[in-house]
């Protein structure tokens, strides 16, 4: 059997990192973890024993912010000084190429830190002539390179040789065009300013899609906030919960009936049956700032007595994003997974689970 065939038959390697803390702890890193994961395409939260959302939580859920799709946008427009001054230096600007494949196509992403990440094939890299480094996932024969440009660098101004070199490479030597997802967060400012700025291009405004559902007679694992590993016959582990959530979000039957040919999965034990659970899923180009607001409201859910012992918030990143957390290079290979999940307990203790696939560094 060839080495390639053996690799294809192997189960893909995944990394799951779990940490535990308290929302009010001075060293809690929950907000930093959310901010570090810039590109999010789906957010889901599950609240056991809940039939109706409190108004503050519902308000945050239905106000996740507008985002924009710009067709055929030349990449050099993101390094224009006017754009940098108007958006990059005055707030958090997010841009991600749309319908590009990280393992095959040229892609780009603008981080809220002002770093422009460009992932290109070998031919494009040589034509651009900009400084970069080989992709970590190219193999022995380098076929992909990563170029990072800091748009907030004090030396990156219109009169500098560095700026002129970058602009010439992207505008004249090897022009690159992409469809981009764009969003801008600035307190007190209207995100639609982006639409005005790119009005000469084909630009469309979009709202995240929101779906609500009530799950009846849901079998849920029993959890103990102090036991990440779980205890036999007392509580389930964080990993068992993570797998169970995947089954719930995929509408998998959890009873492992003998006549089922679709799934043999069943809820981990010990478990308890909830009369109902509220599930909300939001899809779109969702900013970390909005996710932090949603997480805060889920924590505030326990300000008044509730039947629920815990709630979960699960966030999926784009499979073809050039980065996962912060500036860590992201690869696709077999799935492109990069996601995280919060389990917030009634005491405001929380578990944070961060997962990536084979072509990624260990999550932070």
Protein backbone atom coordinates (compact mmCIF):
# COMPACT_ATOMS: atom_id res chain seq x y z
CA UNK A 1 0.00 0.00 0.00
CA UNK A 2 1.43 3.39 -0.97
CA UNK A 3 2.28 5.96 1.71
CA UNK A 4 -0.31 8.37 0.24
CA UNK A 5 -3.08 5.76 0.43
CA UNK A 6 -2.13 4.91 4.01
CA UNK A 7 -2.35 8.59 4.98
CA UNK A 8 -5.77 8.92 3.36
CA UNK A 9 -7.05 5.92 5.32
CA UNK A 10 -5.74 7.22 8.63
CA UNK A 11 -8.16 8.93 10.96
CA UNK A 12 -7.41 12.67 10.95
CA UNK A 13 -5.54 13.95 14.00
CA UNK A 14 -7.39 16.51 16.10
CA UNK A 15 -6.30 18.66 19.01
CA UNK A 16 -8.65 19.53 21.88
CA UNK A 17 -7.44 21.82 24.65
CA UNK A 18 -9.56 22.36 27.77
CA UNK A 19 -9.16 24.95 30.49
CA UNK A 20 -11.21 25.85 33.54
CA UNK A 21 -11.68 29.15 35.36
CA UNK A 22 -14.28 31.57 36.73
CA UNK A 23 -15.80 34.41 34.73
CA UNK A 24 -15.07 36.93 37.51
CA UNK A 25 -11.53 35.74 38.21
CA UNK A 26 -9.01 38.53 37.61
CA UNK A 27 -6.82 36.21 35.53
CA UNK A 28 -9.64 34.72 33.48
CA UNK A 29 -8.70 34.70 29.80
CA UNK A 30 -12.14 34.00 28.34
CA UNK A 31 -12.49 37.41 26.63
CA UNK A 32 -8.92 37.25 25.26
CA UNK A 33 -9.58 33.79 23.82
CA UNK A 34 -12.68 35.08 22.01
CA UNK A 35 -10.89 38.17 20.69
CA UNK A 36 -8.02 36.02 19.44
CA UNK A 37 -10.32 34.00 17.15
CA UNK A 38 -11.13 36.58 14.49
CA UNK A 39 -13.06 34.75 11.78
CA UNK A 40 -16.28 33.07 12.91
CA UNK A 41 -18.99 31.63 10.66
CA UNK A 42 -21.37 29.97 13.14
CA UNK A 43 -22.32 30.55 16.77
CA UNK A 44 -24.68 28.25 18.70
CA UNK A 45 -25.87 28.33 22.28
CA UNK A 46 -27.83 25.70 24.17
CA UNK A 47 -29.79 26.37 27.37
CA UNK A 48 -31.32 23.34 29.12
CA UNK A 49 -34.74 23.73 30.78
CA UNK A 50 -35.45 26.97 28.92
CA UNK A 51 -38.57 27.69 26.88
CA UNK A 52 -38.16 31.41 26.21
CA UNK A 53 -35.13 33.72 26.10
CA UNK A 54 -34.90 36.67 28.53
CA UNK A 55 -35.26 39.96 26.67
CA UNK A 56 -31.63 41.16 27.14
CA UNK A 57 -30.29 37.87 25.75
CA UNK A 58 -32.76 37.90 22.86
CA UNK A 59 -31.81 41.50 22.05
CA UNK A 60 -28.09 40.68 21.80
CA UNK A 61 -28.85 37.56 19.75
CA UNK A 62 -30.87 39.46 17.15
CA UNK A 63 -28.34 42.30 16.88
CA UNK A 64 -25.16 40.57 15.72
CA UNK A 65 -24.29 43.33 13.28
CA UNK A 66 -24.21 43.79 9.53
CA UNK A 67 -21.41 42.53 7.34
CA UNK A 68 -20.60 43.05 3.67
CA UNK A 69 -19.65 41.01 0.63
CA UNK A 70 -17.53 42.91 -1.90
CA UNK A 71 -17.06 41.24 -5.30
CA UNK A 72 -13.80 41.42 -7.27
CA UNK A 73 -12.02 43.75 -4.87
CA UNK A 74 -8.37 44.40 -5.81
CA UNK A 75 -6.17 43.47 -2.86
CA UNK A 76 -4.14 46.66 -3.17
CA UNK A 77 -7.19 48.67 -2.03
CA UNK A 78 -6.73 47.23 1.47
CA UNK A 79 -3.26 48.81 1.68
CA UNK A 80 -4.40 52.22 0.45
CA UNK A 81 -3.55 54.93 2.98
CA UNK A 82 -7.10 56.28 2.86
CA UNK A 83 -8.50 52.86 3.84
CA UNK A 84 -5.91 52.39 6.59
CA UNK A 85 -6.65 55.80 8.09
CA UNK A 86 -10.43 55.44 7.87
CA UNK A 87 -10.85 51.87 9.15
CA UNK A 88 -7.69 50.04 10.24
CA UNK A 89 -6.40 52.72 12.63
CA UNK A 90 -9.79 53.82 13.96
CA UNK A 91 -11.38 50.52 14.97
CA UNK A 92 -11.31 46.78 14.40
CA UNK A 93 -11.48 45.98 10.70
CA UNK A 94 -12.01 42.39 9.54
CA UNK A 95 -11.64 41.12 5.97
CA UNK A 96 -11.57 37.54 4.69
CA UNK A 97 -11.53 36.17 1.15
CA UNK A 98 -14.78 34.42 0.26
CA UNK A 99 -15.12 31.09 -1.56
CA UNK A 100 -11.37 30.47 -1.63
CA UNK A 101 -9.72 27.19 -0.63
CA UNK A 102 -6.77 27.58 1.70
CA UNK A 103 -5.00 24.47 0.37
CA UNK A 104 -5.41 25.32 -3.33
CA UNK A 105 -6.13 29.01 -3.95
CA UNK A 106 -4.52 32.32 -3.11
CA UNK A 107 -6.25 33.75 -0.04
CA UNK A 108 -6.00 36.82 2.18
CA UNK A 109 -7.24 38.06 5.54
CA UNK A 110 -7.05 41.38 7.38
CA UNK A 111 -6.89 40.98 11.16
CA UNK A 112 -8.26 43.59 13.59
CA UNK A 113 -4.65 44.15 14.71
CA UNK A 114 -3.91 45.65 11.29
CA UNK A 115 -1.96 42.63 10.02
CA UNK A 116 -2.70 41.66 6.41
CA UNK A 117 -2.05 37.93 5.91
CA UNK A 118 -1.64 36.73 2.31
CA UNK A 119 -1.36 32.99 1.58
CA UNK A 120 -0.20 32.36 -2.00
CA UNK A 121 1.12 29.58 -4.20
CA UNK A 122 4.78 29.43 -5.22
CA UNK A 123 4.30 31.07 -8.64
CA UNK A 124 2.35 34.02 -7.23
CA UNK A 125 4.90 34.46 -4.45
CA UNK A 126 7.76 34.69 -6.92
CA UNK A 127 5.84 37.14 -9.12
CA UNK A 128 4.98 39.42 -6.20
CA UNK A 129 8.54 39.61 -4.96
CA UNK A 130 7.46 40.44 -1.40
CA UNK A 131 9.16 38.98 1.65
CA UNK A 132 7.41 36.01 3.24
CA UNK A 133 8.07 32.55 4.60
CA UNK A 134 7.14 29.00 3.55
CA UNK A 135 3.83 27.65 4.76
CA UNK A 136 4.22 25.22 7.64
CA UNK A 137 2.07 22.72 5.78
CA UNK A 138 3.79 22.71 2.39
CA UNK A 139 5.77 19.52 2.93
CA UNK A 140 9.35 18.98 1.79
CA UNK A 141 8.77 20.75 -1.53
CA UNK A 142 7.55 24.25 -0.68
CA UNK A 143 4.52 25.14 -2.80
CA UNK A 144 2.86 27.79 -0.60
CA UNK A 145 4.10 30.95 1.12
CA UNK A 146 2.73 33.31 3.76
CA UNK A 147 3.23 37.08 3.47
CA UNK A 148 2.44 39.30 6.47
CA UNK A 149 2.13 43.08 6.11
CA UNK A 150 1.64 45.28 9.17
CA UNK A 151 -0.58 48.14 8.00
CA UNK A 152 -0.14 49.96 11.33
CA UNK A 153 3.67 49.96 11.21
CA UNK A 154 4.97 53.51 11.62
CA UNK A 155 7.32 52.86 8.68
CA UNK A 156 4.37 51.91 6.45
CA UNK A 157 3.44 55.38 5.16
CA UNK A 158 2.92 56.78 1.69
CA UNK A 159 6.45 58.19 1.37
CA UNK A 160 8.32 55.11 2.56
CA UNK A 161 10.12 52.70 0.24
CA UNK A 162 8.43 49.79 2.02
CA UNK A 163 4.95 51.10 1.31
CA UNK A 164 5.72 51.95 -2.32
CA UNK A 165 7.19 48.48 -2.84
CA UNK A 166 4.09 46.73 -1.44
CA UNK A 167 1.69 48.94 -3.40
CA UNK A 168 3.62 48.40 -6.64
CA UNK A 169 3.70 44.62 -6.14
CA UNK A 170 -0.04 44.32 -5.41
CA UNK A 171 -1.29 46.94 -7.88
CA UNK A 172 1.11 46.76 -10.84
CA UNK A 173 3.37 43.72 -10.77
CA UNK A 174 0.88 41.00 -9.78
CA UNK A 175 -2.64 42.37 -9.26
CA UNK A 176 -4.79 40.08 -7.13
CA UNK A 177 -8.58 40.27 -6.90
CA UNK A 178 -10.87 38.48 -4.46
CA UNK A 179 -14.42 38.44 -3.22
CA UNK A 180 -14.15 39.69 0.38
CA UNK A 181 -16.27 39.44 3.49
CA UNK A 182 -15.83 42.72 5.37
CA UNK A 183 -16.88 44.11 8.72
CA UNK A 184 -15.78 47.00 10.91
CA UNK A 185 -16.30 47.51 14.63
CA UNK A 186 -15.86 50.94 16.16
CA UNK A 187 -17.77 52.10 19.23
CA UNK A 188 -20.22 54.82 18.29
CA UNK A 189 -19.60 54.49 14.55
CA UNK A 190 -21.87 53.07 11.87
CA UNK A 191 -20.49 49.97 10.14
CA UNK A 192 -22.29 51.00 6.94
CA UNK A 193 -19.42 53.46 6.38
CA UNK A 194 -17.72 50.50 4.69
CA UNK A 195 -20.55 50.34 2.18
CA UNK A 196 -20.08 54.00 1.32
CA UNK A 197 -16.32 53.62 1.00
CA UNK A 198 -16.60 50.71 -1.45
CA UNK A 199 -19.65 52.07 -3.28
CA UNK A 200 -17.79 51.95 -6.62
CA UNK A 201 -17.56 48.18 -6.27
CA UNK A 202 -20.24 45.51 -6.25
CA UNK A 203 -21.02 45.43 -2.53
CA UNK A 204 -23.91 43.80 -0.69
CA UNK A 205 -24.98 44.14 2.94
CA UNK A 206 -25.92 40.98 4.83
CA UNK A 207 -27.41 40.17 8.21
CA UNK A 208 -26.49 36.98 10.08
CA UNK A 209 -29.10 34.24 9.77
CA UNK A 210 -30.65 33.21 13.10
CA UNK A 211 -32.59 30.02 13.82
CA UNK A 212 -34.33 29.11 17.08
CA UNK A 213 -35.56 25.68 18.09
CA UNK A 214 -36.83 23.90 21.20
CA UNK A 215 -35.54 20.38 21.79
CA UNK A 216 -37.97 18.15 23.70
CA UNK A 217 -37.05 15.36 26.14
CA UNK A 218 -33.34 15.89 25.57
CA UNK A 219 -30.99 13.46 27.29
CA UNK A 220 -28.11 15.54 28.73
CA UNK A 221 -24.84 14.48 30.40
CA UNK A 222 -24.43 15.23 34.10
CA UNK A 223 -21.55 17.68 34.68
CA UNK A 224 -19.52 18.80 37.67
CA UNK A 225 -17.72 22.12 37.15
CA UNK A 226 -14.81 20.94 39.32
CA UNK A 227 -14.23 17.75 37.31
CA UNK A 228 -12.93 18.35 33.77
CA UNK A 229 -12.08 14.65 33.52
CA UNK A 230 -15.40 13.57 34.99
CA UNK A 231 -15.93 10.93 37.69
CA UNK A 232 -17.18 7.39 37.08
CA UNK A 233 -20.91 7.15 37.85
CA UNK A 234 -20.94 10.77 39.08
CA UNK A 235 -20.23 13.13 36.15
CA UNK A 236 -19.16 13.19 32.50
CA UNK A 237 -15.90 14.59 31.18
CA UNK A 238 -15.38 17.73 29.08
CA UNK A 239 -14.50 15.59 26.06
CA UNK A 240 -17.69 13.52 26.40
CA UNK A 241 -19.71 16.74 26.54
CA UNK A 242 -17.90 18.06 23.44
CA UNK A 243 -18.84 14.94 21.46
CA UNK A 244 -22.41 15.06 22.75
CA UNK A 245 -22.80 18.68 21.63
CA UNK A 246 -21.63 17.72 18.15
CA UNK A 247 -24.34 15.06 18.02
CA UNK A 248 -27.02 17.49 19.24
CA UNK A 249 -26.06 20.17 16.69
CA UNK A 250 -26.10 17.52 13.94
CA UNK A 251 -29.58 16.27 14.95
CA UNK A 252 -28.24 12.79 15.70
CA UNK A 253 -30.55 10.42 17.55
CA UNK A 254 -29.03 9.75 20.98
CA UNK A 255 -30.77 6.49 21.93
CA UNK A 256 -28.60 3.99 19.95
CA UNK A 257 -31.58 1.91 18.81
CA UNK A 258 -30.79 -1.52 17.41
CA UNK A 259 -32.49 -0.77 14.07
CA UNK A 260 -30.62 2.50 13.48
CA UNK A 261 -28.10 2.28 10.64
CA UNK A 262 -27.25 5.99 10.82
CA UNK A 263 -25.65 6.27 14.26
CA UNK A 264 -24.75 4.06 17.19
CA UNK A 265 -23.94 7.08 19.36
CA UNK A 266 -25.72 7.51 22.68
CA UNK A 267 -25.60 10.13 25.42
CA UNK A 268 -22.70 9.54 27.85
CA UNK A 269 -23.51 8.41 31.37
CA UNK A 270 -24.48 9.54 33.90
CA UNK A 271 -27.20 11.53 32.18
CA UNK A 272 -30.53 13.16 32.89
CA UNK A 273 -33.51 13.92 30.65
CA UNK A 274 -34.52 17.56 30.25
CA UNK A 275 -38.13 18.38 29.41
CA UNK A 276 -36.90 21.00 26.96
CA UNK A 277 -33.79 22.86 25.86
CA UNK A 278 -33.46 26.06 23.85
CA UNK A 279 -31.07 25.97 20.87
CA UNK A 280 -30.12 29.05 18.87
CA UNK A 281 -27.76 29.05 15.87
CA UNK A 282 -26.38 32.16 14.16
CA UNK A 283 -24.54 31.94 10.84
CA UNK A 284 -22.69 34.67 8.95
CA UNK A 285 -19.52 36.74 9.39
CA UNK A 286 -19.64 37.18 13.16
CA UNK A 287 -17.24 39.45 15.02
CA UNK A 288 -15.55 38.53 18.33
CA UNK A 289 -16.91 41.74 19.88
CA UNK A 290 -20.47 40.48 19.32
CA UNK A 291 -19.61 37.04 20.69
CA UNK A 292 -18.25 38.61 23.89
CA UNK A 293 -21.55 40.49 24.32
CA UNK A 294 -23.45 37.22 23.83
CA UNK A 295 -21.23 35.40 26.33
CA UNK A 296 -21.78 38.18 28.88
CA UNK A 297 -25.55 37.81 28.52
CA UNK A 298 -25.35 34.03 28.89
CA UNK A 299 -23.48 34.58 32.15
CA UNK A 300 -26.13 37.11 33.22
CA UNK A 301 -28.76 34.42 32.58
CA UNK A 302 -27.88 33.03 36.02
CA UNK A 303 -28.43 36.35 37.81
CA UNK A 304 -31.87 35.00 38.73
CA UNK A 305 -32.58 31.41 39.85
CA UNK A 306 -32.85 29.01 36.92
CA UNK A 307 -33.49 25.29 36.52
CA UNK A 308 -30.48 24.95 34.20
CA UNK A 309 -27.20 23.89 35.79
CA UNK A 310 -25.15 25.11 32.82
CA UNK A 311 -25.34 26.66 29.34
CA UNK A 312 -23.04 26.23 26.33
CA UNK A 313 -21.75 28.60 23.65
CA UNK A 314 -20.09 27.01 20.61
CA UNK A 315 -18.23 29.02 17.94
CA UNK A 316 -17.03 27.63 14.60
CA UNK A 317 -14.32 29.33 12.56
CA UNK A 318 -14.12 29.41 8.77
CA UNK A 319 -12.56 26.19 7.49
CA UNK A 320 -10.54 28.09 4.85
CA UNK A 321 -9.33 30.99 6.97
CA UNK A 322 -5.54 31.58 6.67
CA UNK A 323 -5.32 31.80 10.48
CA UNK A 324 -7.06 30.19 13.45
CA UNK A 325 -6.16 31.91 16.74
CA UNK A 326 -4.28 35.21 16.59
CA UNK A 327 -1.77 34.88 13.71
CA UNK A 328 -1.36 31.10 13.94
CA UNK A 329 -1.37 29.63 10.44
CA UNK A 330 -4.38 27.47 9.70
CA UNK A 331 -4.46 24.56 7.26
CA UNK A 332 -7.30 22.49 5.85
CA UNK A 333 -6.06 18.94 5.07
CA UNK A 334 -9.18 16.84 5.82
CA UNK A 335 -11.61 19.21 7.51
CA UNK A 336 -10.25 22.64 8.37
CA UNK A 337 -11.70 22.50 11.89
CA UNK A 338 -11.11 25.42 14.23
CA UNK A 339 -13.72 25.96 16.92
CA UNK A 340 -14.22 26.56 20.61
CA UNK A 341 -16.91 25.91 23.19
CA UNK A 342 -17.76 27.51 26.53
CA UNK A 343 -19.66 25.67 29.23
CA UNK A 344 -20.81 28.26 31.78
CA UNK A 345 -22.07 26.86 35.07
CA UNK A 346 -24.58 28.37 37.47
CA UNK A 347 -21.68 29.34 39.77
CA UNK A 348 -20.07 31.19 36.79
CA UNK A 349 -17.25 28.68 36.73
CA UNK A 350 -16.61 27.80 33.11
CA UNK A 351 -14.90 25.27 30.89
CA UNK A 352 -13.34 26.44 27.64
CA UNK A 353 -12.68 23.82 24.97
CA UNK A 354 -10.61 24.79 21.90
CA UNK A 355 -10.27 22.38 18.98
CA UNK A 356 -8.36 22.34 15.70
CA UNK A 357 -7.58 19.76 13.03
CA UNK A 358 -4.32 18.23 11.89
CA UNK A 359 -2.87 21.27 10.10
CA UNK A 360 -2.76 23.66 13.05
CA UNK A 361 -0.67 24.53 16.06
CA UNK A 362 -2.02 23.63 19.46
CA UNK A 363 -4.66 26.25 20.42
CA UNK A 364 -3.42 28.94 22.82
